[in-house]
Amino acid sequence: MSSKLLPIDDVIERTGLSRRTLYQEISNNRFPRAVQLTARRVGWPEADVEKWISDKIAARDGVAA
């Protein structure tokens, strides 16, 4: 499992979501929450983002992830 934390720009690039949609998905508990790194910086565990993407693909294909 990767322990790398991704900045928001990388999360946006990997998921194709806009910043606004990303935060809406988080507030609706449909996307993993970020880890607070400093008072003004957050990061998302790479493994969480990759699992979210895999789950979306599995849902599209009708496969339980």
N, C-alpha and C. Protein backbone atom coordinates (compact mmCIF):
# COMPACT_ATOMS: atom_id res chain seq x y z
N MET A 1 0.85 -1.18 0.00
CA MET A 1 0.00 0.00 0.00
C MET A 1 0.89 1.24 0.00
N SER A 2 0.51 2.19 -0.82
CA SER A 2 1.28 3.42 -0.94
C SER A 2 1.00 4.34 0.25
N SER A 3 2.04 4.97 0.74
CA SER A 3 1.86 5.92 1.84
C SER A 3 2.00 7.35 1.36
N LYS A 4 2.03 7.54 0.05
CA LYS A 4 2.19 8.88 -0.52
C LYS A 4 0.89 9.67 -0.36
N LEU A 5 1.04 10.94 0.00
CA LEU A 5 -0.11 11.84 0.09
C LEU A 5 -0.13 12.75 -1.13
N LEU A 6 -1.28 12.83 -1.77
CA LEU A 6 -1.41 13.61 -2.99
C LEU A 6 -2.00 14.98 -2.71
N PRO A 7 -1.44 16.02 -3.32
CA PRO A 7 -2.03 17.36 -3.21
C PRO A 7 -3.30 17.42 -4.06
N ILE A 8 -4.11 18.40 -3.81
CA ILE A 8 -5.40 18.51 -4.48
C ILE A 8 -5.27 18.53 -6.00
N ASP A 9 -4.26 19.20 -6.53
CA ASP A 9 -4.12 19.25 -7.99
C ASP A 9 -3.92 17.86 -8.58
N ASP A 10 -3.17 17.00 -7.89
CA ASP A 10 -2.98 15.63 -8.37
C ASP A 10 -4.27 14.82 -8.26
N VAL A 11 -5.04 15.04 -7.20
CA VAL A 11 -6.32 14.34 -7.04
C VAL A 11 -7.27 14.75 -8.17
N ILE A 12 -7.32 16.03 -8.46
CA ILE A 12 -8.18 16.54 -9.53
C ILE A 12 -7.76 15.93 -10.87
N GLU A 13 -6.46 15.88 -11.12
CA GLU A 13 -5.96 15.33 -12.37
C GLU A 13 -6.28 13.84 -12.49
N ARG A 14 -6.10 13.08 -11.43
CA ARG A 14 -6.33 11.64 -11.49
C ARG A 14 -7.81 11.28 -11.60
N THR A 15 -8.67 12.07 -10.95
CA THR A 15 -10.08 11.72 -10.93
C THR A 15 -10.88 12.37 -12.05
N GLY A 16 -10.40 13.50 -12.55
CA GLY A 16 -11.15 14.23 -13.55
C GLY A 16 -12.25 15.09 -12.96
N LEU A 17 -12.32 15.15 -11.63
CA LEU A 17 -13.32 15.97 -10.96
C LEU A 17 -12.83 17.41 -10.85
N SER A 18 -13.76 18.34 -10.82
CA SER A 18 -13.39 19.73 -10.54
C SER A 18 -13.18 19.86 -9.03
N ARG A 19 -12.55 20.93 -8.62
CA ARG A 19 -12.34 21.18 -7.20
C ARG A 19 -13.68 21.23 -6.46
N ARG A 20 -14.64 21.93 -7.04
CA ARG A 20 -15.96 22.06 -6.40
C ARG A 20 -16.64 20.70 -6.26
N THR A 21 -16.62 19.91 -7.33
CA THR A 21 -17.26 18.60 -7.29
C THR A 21 -16.55 17.69 -6.29
N LEU A 22 -15.24 17.76 -6.24
CA LEU A 22 -14.48 16.96 -5.29
C LEU A 22 -14.94 17.25 -3.86
N TYR A 23 -15.03 18.52 -3.50
CA TYR A 23 -15.45 18.86 -2.15
C TYR A 23 -16.92 18.54 -1.90
N GLN A 24 -17.76 18.60 -2.93
CA GLN A 24 -19.15 18.16 -2.77
C GLN A 24 -19.21 16.67 -2.49
N GLU A 25 -18.42 15.89 -3.21
CA GLU A 25 -18.39 14.45 -3.01
C GLU A 25 -17.89 14.11 -1.60
N ILE A 26 -16.91 14.84 -1.12
CA ILE A 26 -16.41 14.62 0.24
C ILE A 26 -17.50 14.93 1.26
N SER A 27 -18.19 16.04 1.08
CA SER A 27 -19.23 16.42 2.06
C SER A 27 -20.41 15.46 2.02
N ASN A 28 -20.61 14.76 0.90
CA ASN A 28 -21.67 13.75 0.80
C ASN A 28 -21.16 12.34 1.10
N ASN A 29 -19.94 12.26 1.65
CA ASN A 29 -19.31 10.98 2.01
C ASN A 29 -19.19 10.02 0.84
N ARG A 30 -18.94 10.56 -0.35
CA ARG A 30 -18.75 9.73 -1.54
C ARG A 30 -17.32 9.77 -2.06
N PHE A 31 -16.45 10.46 -1.33
CA PHE A 31 -15.03 10.52 -1.68
C PHE A 31 -14.25 10.58 -0.38
N PRO A 32 -13.07 9.93 -0.34
CA PRO A 32 -12.28 9.93 0.91
C PRO A 32 -11.91 11.33 1.38
N ARG A 33 -11.90 11.50 2.68
CA ARG A 33 -11.52 12.78 3.27
C ARG A 33 -10.00 12.94 3.22
N ALA A 34 -9.58 14.17 3.20
CA ALA A 34 -8.15 14.50 3.18
C ALA A 34 -7.55 14.39 4.57
N VAL A 35 -6.24 14.30 4.60
CA VAL A 35 -5.47 14.31 5.84
C VAL A 35 -4.94 15.73 6.03
N GLN A 36 -5.16 16.30 7.19
CA GLN A 36 -4.66 17.66 7.48
C GLN A 36 -3.15 17.58 7.70
N LEU A 37 -2.38 18.27 6.87
CA LEU A 37 -0.93 18.24 6.97
C LEU A 37 -0.39 19.42 7.77
N THR A 38 -0.92 20.59 7.48
CA THR A 38 -0.58 21.80 8.22
C THR A 38 -1.87 22.59 8.36
N ALA A 39 -1.78 23.77 8.91
CA ALA A 39 -2.98 24.59 9.07
C ALA A 39 -3.64 24.92 7.73
N ARG A 40 -2.84 24.98 6.66
CA ARG A 40 -3.38 25.39 5.36
C ARG A 40 -3.16 24.37 4.25
N ARG A 41 -2.76 23.16 4.59
CA ARG A 41 -2.43 22.17 3.57
C ARG A 41 -3.01 20.82 3.92
N VAL A 42 -3.63 20.16 2.92
CA VAL A 42 -4.15 18.81 3.10
C VAL A 42 -3.60 17.92 2.00
N GLY A 43 -3.72 16.63 2.19
CA GLY A 43 -3.31 15.66 1.18
C GLY A 43 -4.19 14.44 1.28
N TRP A 44 -4.34 13.74 0.17
CA TRP A 44 -5.15 12.53 0.14
C TRP A 44 -4.23 11.34 -0.01
N PRO A 45 -4.44 10.30 0.81
CA PRO A 45 -3.64 9.09 0.63
C PRO A 45 -3.85 8.53 -0.78
N GLU A 46 -2.75 8.29 -1.47
CA GLU A 46 -2.82 7.80 -2.84
C GLU A 46 -3.65 6.52 -2.94
N ALA A 47 -3.50 5.63 -1.97
CA ALA A 47 -4.24 4.37 -1.98
C ALA A 47 -5.75 4.62 -1.92
N ASP A 48 -6.18 5.61 -1.15
CA ASP A 48 -7.61 5.93 -1.06
C ASP A 48 -8.16 6.43 -2.39
N VAL A 49 -7.39 7.27 -3.06
CA VAL A 49 -7.81 7.81 -4.36
C VAL A 49 -7.86 6.69 -5.39
N GLU A 50 -6.85 5.84 -5.41
CA GLU A 50 -6.83 4.73 -6.36
C GLU A 50 -7.97 3.75 -6.10
N LYS A 51 -8.30 3.50 -4.85
CA LYS A 51 -9.43 2.61 -4.53
C LYS A 51 -10.74 3.23 -4.99
N TRP A 52 -10.91 4.53 -4.81
CA TRP A 52 -12.12 5.21 -5.27
C TRP A 52 -12.27 5.05 -6.78
N ILE A 53 -11.17 5.22 -7.50
CA ILE A 53 -11.20 5.06 -8.95
C ILE A 53 -11.55 3.62 -9.32
N SER A 54 -10.92 2.66 -8.66
CA SER A 54 -11.20 1.25 -8.92
C SER A 54 -12.66 0.91 -8.64
N ASP A 55 -13.19 1.45 -7.55
CA ASP A 55 -14.60 1.21 -7.21
C ASP A 55 -15.53 1.77 -8.27
N LYS A 56 -15.21 2.94 -8.82
CA LYS A 56 -16.03 3.53 -9.87
C LYS A 56 -16.01 2.67 -11.13
N ILE A 57 -14.85 2.14 -11.48
CA ILE A 57 -14.74 1.27 -12.65
C ILE A 57 -15.50 -0.03 -12.42
N ALA A 58 -15.37 -0.60 -11.23
CA ALA A 58 -16.08 -1.83 -10.90
C ALA A 58 -17.59 -1.63 -10.95
N ALA A 59 -18.05 -0.47 -10.46
CA ALA A 59 -19.50 -0.17 -10.49
C ALA A 59 -19.98 -0.06 -11.94
N ARG A 60 -19.18 0.56 -12.77
CA ARG A 60 -19.53 0.68 -14.18
C ARG A 60 -19.64 -0.69 -14.84
N ASP A 61 -18.73 -1.59 -14.46
CA ASP A 61 -18.68 -2.93 -15.06
C ASP A 61 -19.63 -3.91 -14.37
N GLY A 62 -20.29 -3.45 -13.31
CA GLY A 62 -21.22 -4.33 -12.58
C GLY A 62 -20.51 -5.40 -11.77
N VAL A 63 -19.31 -5.08 -11.32
CA VAL A 63 -18.51 -6.01 -10.54
C VAL A 63 -18.37 -5.48 -9.13
N ALA A 64 -18.52 -6.35 -8.14
CA ALA A 64 -18.31 -5.93 -6.75
C ALA A 64 -16.83 -5.70 -6.53
N ALA A 65 -16.47 -4.53 -6.02
CA ALA A 65 -15.05 -4.20 -5.80
C ALA A 65 -14.56 -4.74 -4.48
